[in-house]
Amino acid sequence: MTEYFRPLVQHGAARLDGAVSLAGQSLWFTHAERLSRTAPPAIVAARDIPTEVLKRLTVPRADIAGLAMDRPQIMGILNATPDSFSDGGVHNSVEAAVSAAKQMVAHDAGILDIGGESTRPGAAFVTEDEEIARTKPLIEAIRAETQALISIDTRKASVAKAAWNAGAGLINDVSGFTFDPQLAPFCAEVGAPVCVMHMQGDPATMQDDPQYDDVLLDVYDFLERRIEKLERLGVNRNRIVVDPGIGFGKTLEHNLTLLQNLSLFHGLGCPILLGVSRKGLIGEIGREPRKDARAPGSIAVALAGLSQGVQIVRVHDVAETVQALRLWAAVR
């Protein structure tokens, strides 16, 4: 793209003249910030945004695997790994995973995101067989206990196939479908909803020295190219969720730039997923070295994202986040 439009999001029943709804939500905007790689930012009225871009910014999002995208959804994190940065080893038995899953669903998590390969900075590669062995039994057991949407957090086609057959209903690929060329065709074949995330590099090296020309526009362009590729392969845009990949190959400054400008990504015409829970930026800015004590900071950033129209927040602390979300919604 040569021009990008970031909605200046507002809320409230008393909408101003010229206001348009944001992605079919109760949020709205009358103006947007026009961005470019060659010109300074400028404020423009919604009526002056190109027709196709305005349509993508405003059209209601289709349900994802039966979940409505006109209201916030909570994705609970359930890692079946020994080395994930925050909860490694906590849920790698079937009994512990099922118990945790049932608690998350009881606290209104709409999605359970199950991963068998750590993607923390410096994490080592996990073989397909090992990843399947970690995740498939958990998915089968959780599916037997709840009808909640299960997401498989993987970049490998064979793992996704095993998870799909076991009862998963969403494929969440941190590589943005760049790692395994067989994964996107499989998703197209079975009609799976997908989440496309941006990551610079791979988990083992992504934090070594991340560099961007313009992190906001670079991430947007990457996601747009991946969506177009998925569409060519047969994955319809109305089954795609996008994730800017906070903490994946990005410095603190990069992450803050993305978080401050999340509403830009509505221009992709897809629901937005935000995953910041317990990450390094929460610890650094919040001055909390203990990963499992970062719920307050994680919730603060999640609510800031929801204020920009983010549809899904991926969290460790489901009950605490849901409580905060209910109060946030009530006072708005």
C-alpha atoms as a PDB file:
ATOM      1  CA  MET A   1       0.000   0.000   0.000  1.00  0.00           C
ATOM      2  CA  THR A   2       1.007   3.606  -0.470  1.00  0.00           C
ATOM      3  CA  GLU A   3      -1.407   5.053   2.079  1.00  0.00           C
ATOM      4  CA  TYR A   4      -2.664   3.616   5.360  1.00  0.00           C
ATOM      5  CA  PHE A   5      -5.569   4.788   7.523  1.00  0.00           C
ATOM      6  CA  ARG A   6      -5.662   4.451  11.319  1.00  0.00           C
ATOM      7  CA  PRO A   7      -9.154   5.105  12.740  1.00  0.00           C
ATOM      8  CA  LEU A   8      -9.256   7.505  15.682  1.00  0.00           C
ATOM      9  CA  VAL A   9     -11.593   5.327  17.717  1.00  0.00           C
ATOM     10  CA  GLN A  10     -14.307   6.671  20.011  1.00  0.00           C
ATOM     11  CA  HIS A  11     -17.252   5.239  21.933  1.00  0.00           C
ATOM     12  CA  GLY A  12     -20.572   6.380  23.319  1.00  0.00           C
ATOM     13  CA  ALA A  13     -24.174   6.612  22.185  1.00  0.00           C
ATOM     14  CA  ALA A  14     -23.953  10.284  21.169  1.00  0.00           C
ATOM     15  CA  ARG A  15     -22.166   9.772  17.872  1.00  0.00           C
ATOM     16  CA  LEU A  16     -20.902  12.787  15.970  1.00  0.00           C
ATOM     17  CA  ASP A  17     -22.076  13.665  12.483  1.00  0.00           C
ATOM     18  CA  GLY A  18     -20.227  11.619   9.900  1.00  0.00           C
ATOM     19  CA  ALA A  19     -19.420   8.834  12.358  1.00  0.00           C
ATOM     20  CA  VAL A  20     -19.066   5.289  11.023  1.00  0.00           C
ATOM     21  CA  SER A  21     -18.950   2.048  12.988  1.00  0.00           C
ATOM     22  CA  LEU A  22     -15.644   0.256  13.464  1.00  0.00           C
ATOM     23  CA  ALA A  23     -15.785  -3.345  12.196  1.00  0.00           C
ATOM     24  CA  GLY A  24     -19.449  -3.694  13.111  1.00  0.00           C
ATOM     25  CA  GLN A  25     -18.815  -2.903  16.782  1.00  0.00           C
ATOM     26  CA  SER A  26     -20.278  -0.238  19.050  1.00  0.00           C
ATOM     27  CA  LEU A  27     -17.044   1.731  18.624  1.00  0.00           C
ATOM     28  CA  TRP A  28     -16.986   4.401  15.920  1.00  0.00           C
ATOM     29  CA  PHE A  29     -14.833   7.048  14.299  1.00  0.00           C
ATOM     30  CA  THR A  30     -15.254  10.262  12.325  1.00  0.00           C
ATOM     31  CA  HIS A  31     -11.604  10.740  11.361  1.00  0.00           C
ATOM     32  CA  ALA A  32      -8.485   8.709  10.740  1.00  0.00           C
ATOM     33  CA  GLU A  33      -4.768   9.312  10.650  1.00  0.00           C
ATOM     34  CA  ARG A  34      -3.434   8.913   7.115  1.00  0.00           C
ATOM     35  CA  LEU A  35       0.041   7.364   7.112  1.00  0.00           C
ATOM     36  CA  SER A  36       2.561   6.966   4.333  1.00  0.00           C
ATOM     37  CA  ARG A  37       6.186   5.986   3.892  1.00  0.00           C
ATOM     38  CA  THR A  38       6.857   9.145   1.885  1.00  0.00           C
ATOM     39  CA  ALA A  39       4.691  11.858   3.480  1.00  0.00           C
ATOM     40  CA  PRO A  40       4.021  13.133   7.010  1.00  0.00           C
ATOM     41  CA  PRO A  41       0.910  11.915   8.861  1.00  0.00           C
ATOM     42  CA  ALA A  42      -2.328  13.814   8.333  1.00  0.00           C
ATOM     43  CA  ILE A  43      -5.845  13.705   9.803  1.00  0.00           C
ATOM     44  CA  VAL A  44      -8.630  13.017   7.301  1.00  0.00           C
ATOM     45  CA  ALA A  45     -12.401  12.681   7.629  1.00  0.00           C
ATOM     46  CA  ALA A  46     -13.874   9.210   7.335  1.00  0.00           C
ATOM     47  CA  ARG A  47     -15.726  10.285   4.184  1.00  0.00           C
ATOM     48  CA  ASP A  48     -12.375  10.969   2.515  1.00  0.00           C
ATOM     49  CA  ILE A  49     -10.963   7.468   3.097  1.00  0.00           C
ATOM     50  CA  PRO A  50     -10.857   5.436  -0.145  1.00  0.00           C
ATOM     51  CA  THR A  51     -14.046   3.403  -0.558  1.00  0.00           C
ATOM     52  CA  GLU A  52     -12.453  -0.053  -0.405  1.00  0.00           C
ATOM     53  CA  VAL A  53     -10.379   0.824   2.671  1.00  0.00           C
ATOM     54  CA  LEU A  54     -13.391   2.343   4.443  1.00  0.00           C
ATOM     55  CA  LYS A  55     -15.395  -0.783   3.690  1.00  0.00           C
ATOM     56  CA  ARG A  56     -12.760  -2.974   5.328  1.00  0.00           C
ATOM     57  CA  LEU A  57     -12.599  -0.667   8.335  1.00  0.00           C
ATOM     58  CA  THR A  58     -16.350  -0.703   8.896  1.00  0.00           C
ATOM     59  CA  VAL A  59     -17.849  -3.980   7.658  1.00  0.00           C
ATOM     60  CA  PRO A  60     -18.990  -6.323  10.470  1.00  0.00           C
ATOM     61  CA  ARG A  61     -16.614  -9.228  10.949  1.00  0.00           C
ATOM     62  CA  ALA A  62     -17.898 -12.729  10.329  1.00  0.00           C
ATOM     63  CA  ASP A  63     -18.094 -15.131  13.246  1.00  0.00           C
ATOM     64  CA  ILE A  64     -14.944 -17.189  13.761  1.00  0.00           C
ATOM     65  CA  ALA A  65     -15.831 -20.839  14.357  1.00  0.00           C
ATOM     66  CA  GLY A  66     -19.167 -19.725  15.792  1.00  0.00           C
ATOM     67  CA  LEU A  67     -17.760 -16.981  18.034  1.00  0.00           C
ATOM     68  CA  ALA A  68     -19.220 -13.506  17.488  1.00  0.00           C
ATOM     69  CA  MET A  69     -16.661 -10.855  16.577  1.00  0.00           C
ATOM     70  CA  ASP A  70     -18.850  -7.871  17.497  1.00  0.00           C
ATOM     71  CA  ARG A  71     -17.820  -8.220  21.158  1.00  0.00           C
ATOM     72  CA  PRO A  72     -14.538  -9.038  22.963  1.00  0.00           C
ATOM     73  CA  GLN A  73     -13.533 -12.686  23.165  1.00  0.00           C
ATOM     74  CA  ILE A  74     -11.045 -14.195  25.618  1.00  0.00           C
ATOM     75  CA  MET A  75      -8.521 -16.798  24.467  1.00  0.00           C
ATOM     76  CA  GLY A  76      -7.075 -18.746  27.389  1.00  0.00           C
ATOM     77  CA  ILE A  77      -3.474 -19.939  27.089  1.00  0.00           C
ATOM     78  CA  LEU A  78      -2.845 -23.589  27.845  1.00  0.00           C
ATOM     79  CA  ASN A  79       0.719 -24.646  27.026  1.00  0.00           C
ATOM     80  CA  ALA A  80       1.594 -28.342  26.992  1.00  0.00           C
ATOM     81  CA  THR A  81       5.312 -27.581  27.153  1.00  0.00           C
ATOM     82  CA  PRO A  82       8.073 -27.950  29.724  1.00  0.00           C
ATOM     83  CA  ASP A  83       9.775 -24.671  28.744  1.00  0.00           C
ATOM     84  CA  SER A  84       7.232 -21.968  27.901  1.00  0.00           C
ATOM     85  CA  PHE A  85       8.338 -18.637  29.332  1.00  0.00           C
ATOM     86  CA  SER A  86       5.594 -18.321  31.959  1.00  0.00           C
ATOM     87  CA  ASP A  87       3.644 -21.557  32.415  1.00  0.00           C
ATOM     88  CA  GLY A  88       6.059 -24.210  31.167  1.00  0.00           C
ATOM     89  CA  GLY A  89       5.406 -27.585  32.776  1.00  0.00           C
ATOM     90  CA  VAL A  90       2.175 -26.498  34.458  1.00  0.00           C
ATOM     91  CA  HIS A  91      -0.264 -28.137  32.016  1.00  0.00           C
ATOM     92  CA  ASN A  92       1.735 -30.960  30.439  1.00  0.00           C
ATOM     93  CA  SER A  93      -0.349 -33.719  32.004  1.00  0.00           C
ATOM     94  CA  VAL A  94      -3.826 -34.552  30.729  1.00  0.00           C
ATOM     95  CA  GLU A  95      -5.414 -34.162  34.158  1.00  0.00           C
ATOM     96  CA  ALA A  96      -3.861 -30.749  34.798  1.00  0.00           C
ATOM     97  CA  ALA A  97      -4.738 -29.504  31.319  1.00  0.00           C
ATOM     98  CA  VAL A  98      -8.363 -30.610  31.523  1.00  0.00           C
ATOM     99  CA  SER A  99      -8.751 -29.047  34.967  1.00  0.00           C
ATOM    100  CA  ALA A 100      -7.269 -25.762  33.761  1.00  0.00           C
ATOM    101  CA  ALA A 101      -9.387 -25.802  30.609  1.00  0.00           C
ATOM    102  CA  LYS A 102     -12.605 -26.325  32.561  1.00  0.00           C
ATOM    103  CA  GLN A 103     -11.730 -23.456  34.889  1.00  0.00           C
ATOM    104  CA  MET A 104     -11.045 -21.138  31.943  1.00  0.00           C
ATOM    105  CA  VAL A 105     -14.341 -22.037  30.282  1.00  0.00           C
ATOM    106  CA  ALA A 106     -16.177 -21.561  33.575  1.00  0.00           C
ATOM    107  CA  HIS A 107     -14.744 -18.033  33.667  1.00  0.00           C
ATOM    108  CA  ASP A 108     -16.013 -17.336  30.119  1.00  0.00           C
ATOM    109  CA  ALA A 109     -12.981 -18.022  27.943  1.00  0.00           C
ATOM    110  CA  GLY A 110     -14.398 -18.512  24.459  1.00  0.00           C
ATOM    111  CA  ILE A 111     -11.223 -20.068  23.053  1.00  0.00           C
ATOM    112  CA  LEU A 112      -8.589 -22.390  24.517  1.00  0.00           C
ATOM    113  CA  ASP A 113      -5.208 -22.037  22.790  1.00  0.00           C
ATOM    114  CA  ILE A 114      -3.105 -25.181  23.163  1.00  0.00           C
ATOM    115  CA  GLY A 115       0.565 -25.231  22.218  1.00  0.00           C
ATOM    116  CA  GLY A 116       3.180 -27.946  22.280  1.00  0.00           C
ATOM    117  CA  GLU A 117       6.229 -25.955  21.169  1.00  0.00           C
ATOM    118  CA  SER A 118       7.511 -23.006  23.144  1.00  0.00           C
ATOM    119  CA  THR A 119       7.909 -19.816  21.117  1.00  0.00           C
ATOM    120  CA  ARG A 120       9.612 -17.797  23.846  1.00  0.00           C
ATOM    121  CA  PRO A 121      12.803 -15.981  22.786  1.00  0.00           C
ATOM    122  CA  GLY A 122      15.611 -18.515  22.398  1.00  0.00           C
ATOM    123  CA  ALA A 123      13.307 -21.543  22.389  1.00  0.00           C
ATOM    124  CA  ALA A 124      14.566 -24.710  20.695  1.00  0.00           C
ATOM    125  CA  PHE A 125      12.800 -26.468  17.813  1.00  0.00           C
ATOM    126  CA  VAL A 126      10.434 -29.328  18.741  1.00  0.00           C
ATOM    127  CA  THR A 127       9.932 -32.267  16.384  1.00  0.00           C
ATOM    128  CA  GLU A 128       6.513 -32.898  14.873  1.00  0.00           C
ATOM    129  CA  ASP A 129       6.127 -36.238  16.659  1.00  0.00           C
ATOM    130  CA  GLU A 130       6.938 -34.693  20.031  1.00  0.00           C
ATOM    131  CA  GLU A 131       4.581 -31.774  19.450  1.00  0.00           C
ATOM    132  CA  ILE A 132       1.751 -34.126  18.494  1.00  0.00           C
ATOM    133  CA  ALA A 133       2.432 -36.309  21.526  1.00  0.00           C
ATOM    134  CA  ARG A 134       2.162 -33.253  23.769  1.00  0.00           C
ATOM    135  CA  THR A 135      -0.998 -31.748  22.271  1.00  0.00           C
ATOM    136  CA  LYS A 136      -3.231 -34.403  20.741  1.00  0.00           C
ATOM    137  CA  PRO A 137      -4.107 -36.256  23.994  1.00  0.00           C
ATOM    138  CA  LEU A 138      -4.890 -32.945  25.700  1.00  0.00           C
ATOM    139  CA  ILE A 139      -7.175 -31.815  22.890  1.00  0.00           C
ATOM    140  CA  GLU A 140      -9.009 -35.129  22.882  1.00  0.00           C
ATOM    141  CA  ALA A 141      -9.491 -35.017  26.635  1.00  0.00           C
ATOM    142  CA  ILE A 142     -10.579 -31.366  26.680  1.00  0.00           C
ATOM    143  CA  ARG A 143     -12.973 -31.908  23.787  1.00  0.00           C
ATOM    144  CA  ALA A 144     -14.617 -34.711  25.766  1.00  0.00           C
ATOM    145  CA  GLU A 145     -15.261 -32.287  28.655  1.00  0.00           C
ATOM    146  CA  THR A 146     -16.222 -29.019  26.931  1.00  0.00           C
ATOM    147  CA  GLN A 147     -17.530 -27.648  23.655  1.00  0.00           C
ATOM    148  CA  ALA A 148     -15.380 -24.517  23.820  1.00  0.00           C
ATOM    149  CA  LEU A 149     -13.437 -23.620  20.684  1.00  0.00           C
ATOM    150  CA  ILE A 150      -9.960 -25.171  20.804  1.00  0.00           C
ATOM    151  CA  SER A 151      -7.095 -23.492  18.963  1.00  0.00           C
ATOM    152  CA  ILE A 152      -3.888 -25.323  18.122  1.00  0.00           C
ATOM    153  CA  ASP A 153      -0.842 -23.065  18.354  1.00  0.00           C
ATOM    154  CA  THR A 154       1.476 -24.600  15.758  1.00  0.00           C
ATOM    155  CA  ARG A 155       3.425 -23.823  12.592  1.00  0.00           C
ATOM    156  CA  LYS A 156       3.502 -27.436  11.345  1.00  0.00           C
ATOM    157  CA  ALA A 157       0.921 -29.069   9.058  1.00  0.00           C
ATOM    158  CA  SER A 158       1.159 -32.551  10.580  1.00  0.00           C
ATOM    159  CA  VAL A 159       0.549 -31.157  14.063  1.00  0.00           C
ATOM    160  CA  ALA A 160      -2.406 -29.110  12.820  1.00  0.00           C
ATOM    161  CA  LYS A 161      -3.898 -32.177  11.119  1.00  0.00           C
ATOM    162  CA  ALA A 162      -3.613 -34.265  14.278  1.00  0.00           C
ATOM    163  CA  ALA A 163      -5.106 -31.471  16.364  1.00  0.00           C
ATOM    164  CA  TRP A 164      -7.926 -30.858  13.899  1.00  0.00           C
ATOM    165  CA  ASN A 165      -8.840 -34.543  13.890  1.00  0.00           C
ATOM    166  CA  ALA A 166      -8.739 -34.524  17.701  1.00  0.00           C
ATOM    167  CA  GLY A 167     -11.239 -31.667  17.937  1.00  0.00           C
ATOM    168  CA  ALA A 168      -9.424 -28.360  17.406  1.00  0.00           C
ATOM    169  CA  GLY A 169     -11.332 -25.722  15.441  1.00  0.00           C
ATOM    170  CA  LEU A 170      -8.769 -22.952  14.814  1.00  0.00           C
ATOM    171  CA  ILE A 171      -5.166 -23.017  13.531  1.00  0.00           C
ATOM    172  CA  ASN A 172      -2.944 -20.360  15.138  1.00  0.00           C
ATOM    173  CA  ASP A 173       0.413 -20.051  13.334  1.00  0.00           C
ATOM    174  CA  VAL A 174       3.054 -17.768  14.866  1.00  0.00           C
ATOM    175  CA  SER A 175       5.030 -17.869  11.618  1.00  0.00           C
ATOM    176  CA  GLY A 176       2.173 -16.366   9.612  1.00  0.00           C
ATOM    177  CA  PHE A 177       2.030 -19.514   7.444  1.00  0.00           C
ATOM    178  CA  THR A 178       5.606 -19.068   6.225  1.00  0.00           C
ATOM    179  CA  PHE A 179       7.203 -22.062   7.993  1.00  0.00           C
ATOM    180  CA  ASP A 180       5.428 -25.102   6.521  1.00  0.00           C
ATOM    181  CA  PRO A 181       4.134 -24.792   2.925  1.00  0.00           C
ATOM    182  CA  GLN A 182       1.642 -27.603   3.547  1.00  0.00           C
ATOM    183  CA  LEU A 183      -0.177 -25.881   6.406  1.00  0.00           C
ATOM    184  CA  ALA A 184      -2.197 -23.297   4.467  1.00  0.00           C
ATOM    185  CA  PRO A 185      -3.430 -25.813   1.832  1.00  0.00           C
ATOM    186  CA  PHE A 186      -4.577 -28.102   4.646  1.00  0.00           C
ATOM    187  CA  CYS A 187      -6.515 -25.248   6.265  1.00  0.00           C
ATOM    188  CA  ALA A 188      -8.116 -24.446   2.925  1.00  0.00           C
ATOM    189  CA  GLU A 189      -9.017 -28.099   2.358  1.00  0.00           C
ATOM    190  CA  VAL A 190     -10.824 -28.554   5.682  1.00  0.00           C
ATOM    191  CA  GLY A 191     -12.208 -25.014   5.925  1.00  0.00           C
ATOM    192  CA  ALA A 192     -10.329 -24.204   9.119  1.00  0.00           C
ATOM    193  CA  PRO A 193     -10.353 -20.680  10.545  1.00  0.00           C
ATOM    194  CA  VAL A 194      -6.795 -19.417  10.997  1.00  0.00           C
ATOM    195  CA  CYS A 195      -4.814 -16.825  12.906  1.00  0.00           C
ATOM    196  CA  VAL A 196      -1.920 -15.218  11.017  1.00  0.00           C
ATOM    197  CA  MET A 197       0.772 -13.704  13.233  1.00  0.00           C
ATOM    198  CA  HIS A 198       3.772 -11.550  12.386  1.00  0.00           C
ATOM    199  CA  MET A 199       7.175 -12.701  13.616  1.00  0.00           C
ATOM    200  CA  GLN A 200      10.555 -11.465  12.445  1.00  0.00           C
ATOM    201  CA  GLY A 201      12.975 -14.413  12.383  1.00  0.00           C
ATOM    202  CA  ASP A 202      12.248 -17.511  14.447  1.00  0.00           C
ATOM    203  CA  PRO A 203      11.923 -18.067  18.206  1.00  0.00           C
ATOM    204  CA  ALA A 204      15.565 -19.081  18.571  1.00  0.00           C
ATOM    205  CA  THR A 205      16.932 -15.817  17.128  1.00  0.00           C
ATOM    206  CA  MET A 206      14.062 -13.323  16.861  1.00  0.00           C
ATOM    207  CA  GLN A 207      15.231 -11.059  19.691  1.00  0.00           C
ATOM    208  CA  ASP A 208      18.884 -10.890  18.669  1.00  0.00           C
ATOM    209  CA  ASP A 209      18.638  -7.570  16.789  1.00  0.00           C
ATOM    210  CA  PRO A 210      15.192  -6.859  15.271  1.00  0.00           C
ATOM    211  CA  GLN A 211      15.225  -4.119  12.633  1.00  0.00           C
ATOM    212  CA  TYR A 212      12.433  -2.408  10.637  1.00  0.00           C
ATOM    213  CA  ASP A 213      12.119   0.461   8.202  1.00  0.00           C
ATOM    214  CA  ASP A 214       8.785   1.338   9.832  1.00  0.00           C
ATOM    215  CA  VAL A 215       7.587  -1.321  12.257  1.00  0.00           C
ATOM    216  CA  LEU A 216       3.900  -0.363  12.030  1.00  0.00           C
ATOM    217  CA  LEU A 217       3.717  -0.315   8.245  1.00  0.00           C
ATOM    218  CA  ASP A 218       6.113  -3.253   7.816  1.00  0.00           C
ATOM    219  CA  VAL A 219       3.949  -5.476  10.020  1.00  0.00           C
ATOM    220  CA  TYR A 220       0.785  -4.292   8.246  1.00  0.00           C
ATOM    221  CA  ASP A 221       2.270  -5.056   4.820  1.00  0.00           C
ATOM    222  CA  PHE A 222       3.428  -8.502   5.952  1.00  0.00           C
ATOM    223  CA  LEU A 223      -0.031  -9.401   7.216  1.00  0.00           C
ATOM    224  CA  GLU A 224      -1.674  -8.070   4.072  1.00  0.00           C
ATOM    225  CA  ARG A 225       0.625 -10.173   1.877  1.00  0.00           C
ATOM    226  CA  ARG A 226      -0.035 -13.288   3.949  1.00  0.00           C
ATOM    227  CA  ILE A 227      -3.808 -12.759   3.773  1.00  0.00           C
ATOM    228  CA  GLU A 228      -3.597 -12.395  -0.003  1.00  0.00           C
ATOM    229  CA  LYS A 229      -1.536 -15.584  -0.232  1.00  0.00           C
ATOM    230  CA  LEU A 230      -4.012 -17.473   1.952  1.00  0.00           C
ATOM    231  CA  GLU A 231      -6.902 -16.255  -0.192  1.00  0.00           C
ATOM    232  CA  ARG A 232      -5.166 -17.499  -3.337  1.00  0.00           C
ATOM    233  CA  LEU A 233      -4.778 -20.890  -1.675  1.00  0.00           C
ATOM    234  CA  GLY A 234      -8.482 -21.023  -0.810  1.00  0.00           C
ATOM    235  CA  VAL A 235      -8.678 -19.633   2.744  1.00  0.00           C
ATOM    236  CA  ASN A 236     -11.413 -16.995   2.680  1.00  0.00           C
ATOM    237  CA  ARG A 237     -10.678 -13.666   4.388  1.00  0.00           C
ATOM    238  CA  ASN A 238     -13.744 -14.112   6.606  1.00  0.00           C
ATOM    239  CA  ARG A 239     -11.975 -17.080   8.246  1.00  0.00           C
ATOM    240  CA  ILE A 240      -8.742 -15.166   8.976  1.00  0.00           C
ATOM    241  CA  VAL A 241      -7.702 -13.503  12.245  1.00  0.00           C
ATOM    242  CA  VAL A 242      -4.579 -11.301  12.350  1.00  0.00           C
ATOM    243  CA  ASP A 243      -2.063 -10.851  15.173  1.00  0.00           C
ATOM    244  CA  PRO A 244       0.690  -8.164  15.021  1.00  0.00           C
ATOM    245  CA  GLY A 245       2.932 -10.409  17.118  1.00  0.00           C
ATOM    246  CA  ILE A 246       3.827  -8.326  20.148  1.00  0.00           C
ATOM    247  CA  GLY A 247       7.203  -9.493  21.467  1.00  0.00           C
ATOM    248  CA  PHE A 248       8.083 -11.612  18.437  1.00  0.00           C
ATOM    249  CA  GLY A 249      11.178 -10.079  16.886  1.00  0.00           C
ATOM    250  CA  LYS A 250      10.541  -6.601  18.284  1.00  0.00           C
ATOM    251  CA  THR A 251      12.157  -4.210  20.732  1.00  0.00           C
ATOM    252  CA  LEU A 252      10.260  -2.435  23.498  1.00  0.00           C
ATOM    253  CA  GLU A 253       9.925   0.614  21.236  1.00  0.00           C
ATOM    254  CA  HIS A 254       8.613  -1.516  18.373  1.00  0.00           C
ATOM    255  CA  ASN A 255       6.037  -3.118  20.659  1.00  0.00           C
ATOM    256  CA  LEU A 256       4.838   0.227  22.007  1.00  0.00           C
ATOM    257  CA  THR A 257       4.458   1.643  18.505  1.00  0.00           C
ATOM    258  CA  LEU A 258       2.274  -1.306  17.522  1.00  0.00           C
ATOM    259  CA  LEU A 259       0.200  -1.114  20.709  1.00  0.00           C
ATOM    260  CA  GLN A 260      -0.380   2.614  20.296  1.00  0.00           C
ATOM    261  CA  ASN A 261      -1.620   2.130  16.726  1.00  0.00           C
ATOM    262  CA  LEU A 262      -3.526  -1.163  16.800  1.00  0.00           C
ATOM    263  CA  SER A 263      -6.615   0.302  15.132  1.00  0.00           C
ATOM    264  CA  LEU A 264      -4.633   0.535  11.875  1.00  0.00           C
ATOM    265  CA  PHE A 265      -4.925  -3.231  11.463  1.00  0.00           C
ATOM    266  CA  HIS A 266      -8.710  -3.038  11.062  1.00  0.00           C
ATOM    267  CA  GLY A 267      -7.888  -1.973   7.520  1.00  0.00           C
ATOM    268  CA  LEU A 268      -7.041  -5.611   6.780  1.00  0.00           C
ATOM    269  CA  GLY A 269     -10.730  -6.483   7.122  1.00  0.00           C
ATOM    270  CA  CYS A 270     -10.119  -9.246   9.675  1.00  0.00           C
ATOM    271  CA  PRO A 271     -10.593  -9.626  13.436  1.00  0.00           C
ATOM    272  CA  ILE A 272      -7.510  -8.664  15.453  1.00  0.00           C
ATOM    273  CA  LEU A 273      -5.976 -10.865  18.143  1.00  0.00           C
ATOM    274  CA  LEU A 274      -3.742  -9.266  20.770  1.00  0.00           C
ATOM    275  CA  GLY A 275      -1.334 -11.372  22.813  1.00  0.00           C
ATOM    276  CA  VAL A 276       0.615  -9.460  25.459  1.00  0.00           C
ATOM    277  CA  SER A 277      -0.029 -11.549  28.553  1.00  0.00           C
ATOM    278  CA  ARG A 278       2.944 -11.651  30.976  1.00  0.00           C
ATOM    279  CA  LYS A 279       5.405 -10.702  28.231  1.00  0.00           C
ATOM    280  CA  GLY A 280       8.711  -8.940  28.726  1.00  0.00           C
ATOM    281  CA  LEU A 281       7.354  -5.464  28.043  1.00  0.00           C
ATOM    282  CA  ILE A 282       4.867  -5.943  30.910  1.00  0.00           C
ATOM    283  CA  GLY A 283       7.718  -6.814  33.247  1.00  0.00           C
ATOM    284  CA  GLU A 284       9.976  -4.036  32.001  1.00  0.00           C
ATOM    285  CA  ILE A 285       7.487  -1.172  32.082  1.00  0.00           C
ATOM    286  CA  GLY A 286       5.608  -2.518  35.109  1.00  0.00           C
ATOM    287  CA  ARG A 287       8.857  -3.287  36.970  1.00  0.00           C
ATOM    288  CA  GLU A 288       7.763  -6.829  37.762  1.00  0.00           C
ATOM    289  CA  PRO A 289      10.402  -9.536  37.221  1.00  0.00           C
ATOM    290  CA  ARG A 290       8.064 -12.368  38.257  1.00  0.00           C
ATOM    291  CA  LYS A 291       6.216 -13.578  35.179  1.00  0.00           C
ATOM    292  CA  ASP A 292       3.267 -14.993  37.121  1.00  0.00           C
ATOM    293  CA  ALA A 293       2.751 -11.640  38.896  1.00  0.00           C
ATOM    294  CA  ARG A 294       2.145  -9.643  35.713  1.00  0.00           C
ATOM    295  CA  ALA A 295      -1.647  -9.951  35.525  1.00  0.00           C
ATOM    296  CA  PRO A 296      -2.325  -6.264  36.383  1.00  0.00           C
ATOM    297  CA  GLY A 297      -0.043  -4.971  33.632  1.00  0.00           C
ATOM    298  CA  SER A 298      -1.279  -7.577  31.159  1.00  0.00           C
ATOM    299  CA  ILE A 299      -4.891  -6.569  31.810  1.00  0.00           C
ATOM    300  CA  ALA A 300      -4.077  -2.866  31.437  1.00  0.00           C
ATOM    301  CA  VAL A 301      -2.636  -3.428  27.963  1.00  0.00           C
ATOM    302  CA  ALA A 302      -5.461  -5.785  26.982  1.00  0.00           C
ATOM    303  CA  LEU A 303      -8.068  -3.150  27.874  1.00  0.00           C
ATOM    304  CA  ALA A 304      -6.132  -0.528  25.923  1.00  0.00           C
ATOM    305  CA  GLY A 305      -6.283  -2.872  22.937  1.00  0.00           C
ATOM    306  CA  LEU A 306     -10.008  -3.442  23.352  1.00  0.00           C
ATOM    307  CA  SER A 307     -10.476   0.343  23.346  1.00  0.00           C
ATOM    308  CA  GLN A 308      -9.026   0.265  19.822  1.00  0.00           C
ATOM    309  CA  GLY A 309     -11.450  -2.437  18.727  1.00  0.00           C
ATOM    310  CA  VAL A 310      -9.349  -5.569  19.176  1.00  0.00           C
ATOM    311  CA  GLN A 311     -11.712  -8.536  19.051  1.00  0.00           C
ATOM    312  CA  ILE A 312      -9.678 -11.267  20.806  1.00  0.00           C
ATOM    313  CA  VAL A 313      -7.230 -11.044  23.706  1.00  0.00           C
ATOM    314  CA  ARG A 314      -4.972 -14.011  24.446  1.00  0.00           C
ATOM    315  CA  VAL A 315      -4.310 -14.311  28.186  1.00  0.00           C
ATOM    316  CA  HIS A 316      -2.970 -16.536  30.951  1.00  0.00           C
ATOM    317  CA  ASP A 317      -5.128 -15.012  33.701  1.00  0.00           C
ATOM    318  CA  VAL A 318      -8.628 -15.640  32.376  1.00  0.00           C
ATOM    319  CA  ALA A 319     -10.717 -14.999  35.504  1.00  0.00           C
ATOM    320  CA  GLU A 320      -8.918 -11.748  36.324  1.00  0.00           C
ATOM    321  CA  THR A 321      -9.125 -10.505  32.739  1.00  0.00           C
ATOM    322  CA  VAL A 322     -12.838 -11.306  32.433  1.00  0.00           C
ATOM    323  CA  GLN A 323     -13.559  -9.475  35.688  1.00  0.00           C
ATOM    324  CA  ALA A 324     -11.688  -6.412  34.430  1.00  0.00           C
ATOM    325  CA  LEU A 325     -13.422  -6.594  31.060  1.00  0.00           C
ATOM    326  CA  ARG A 326     -16.864  -6.637  32.689  1.00  0.00           C
ATOM    327  CA  LEU A 327     -16.066  -3.518  34.699  1.00  0.00           C
ATOM    328  CA  TRP A 328     -14.480  -1.831  31.692  1.00  0.00           C
ATOM    329  CA  ALA A 329     -17.605  -2.501  29.620  1.00  0.00           C
ATOM    330  CA  ALA A 330     -19.954  -1.315  32.380  1.00  0.00           C
ATOM    331  CA  VAL A 331     -18.280   2.037  32.943  1.00  0.00           C
ATOM    332  CA  ARG A 332     -18.107   2.709  29.204  1.00  0.00           C
END
